[in-house]
């Protein structure tokens, strides 16, 4: 068994123990009020959250103004160097897993339905109450690392379409992976989601409470 496999098995075991006692909010019923549809997208090894740009509360997430023509914004989080393609391969994986490293947010502007834009990826629709949606946007807002200006400057172009990388203040490590960050964002929004270090574990939870709108 190679080193990476041993690390992964150890991480899964520890993460399972760590989240066993976490408080998870119950999913609100339809009677609680109208909902805002968001989407969870499965990429290779990680996940992204897609939100309607028009519903973003005034005063939150100023970086969203960089995408004036977008119908939706997708946001993901991860290791700054690895996510931007600077340090990948075995060394990049080990470095990101074993040592706390700077993080980055990837934001993409989307026109049209999320399922159509990400037609090669699994997409799950999740529905939030309006206050839950605002908590989600505040979570994303607070994840950015900003200086004196009211919006963080792009670090560089993103991975596809109209997208870019933005500095984030949290550190990335073995127990705070991109999928853990996404799980916590969804939990802050009021969804019954546990931390998961893997994409598949997070998507499996989303399927139980949401609707699969694209299954390639």
Foldseek 3Di string as FASTA:
>chain_A
DDPVVVLVVVLQVVQCVVFVPPDFFADDDPVVDFWFKKKWWDDVWFIKIKHALVLADPPFDPVSVLQVPARIKIKFKFAPCVQVPNDDDPVSVCCLAADWGWMKMKMAGHHDDPCVVPQVIWMWMAIFDSVLVNQLRNLVRQQADDDPDSHFDFPAAHDDDRMTMGGGDGTGYNNCGRQQSVQVSNRSSRYRGTGDSTSVNRVVSRVVRTGTPHDD
